[in-house]
Amino acid sequence: MAAAQNTRVVRARAVRGSADAPRSLSFVERTTLFIVALKRQHAPALLDGFATAQRHTAQVLAKQLTGLDSPTRQARVTLEFGARDDAADRLKVLLEQAPPRLKACLSQQLPPALRHLAPPQAAEALPPSPAMKALAARMIREASR
């Protein structure tokens, strides 16, 4: 038992120390991300409630986040806080309501973990256009946020 725990500790340290591993955000950073995503115009006033040291960190991050475009900012929120609990249900409804060509493109764009939601599709005669692919990807992102 002790050997297994030691192994886990070593692995956790190795992952945290690697350059490829994403760094988890602190409470101040997560709160700032949340505030900027929901109340971007009021963020400076809301961030003034932090203690002095944390306030500076929050203000710097808020400036960076407000400089991002909306889809990138929303993607950061989704990555940090996770997908919606009802994402699978929303994607099912999307797939049910989509016209056949869009449904085929949506099915191709679904992440592997959610491909079971889409019914098997017959091969399309025409490949989807780049615009159709972009639309499908955006619809999937919006349904899962």
Foldseek 3Di string as FASTA:
>chain_A
DVVVVVVVVVVVVVLQPDPPRDDADDPLLLVLLVCCLPPVVCSLVVLVPDPPVSSVVSVVSSVVLVPDDNVVSVVVNCVRVHWDPCLLVLVLVVLVPDPQVLNVLLLVLDDPVNNVSRDDDDDDPDDDDPVSNVVSNVSSVVSGD
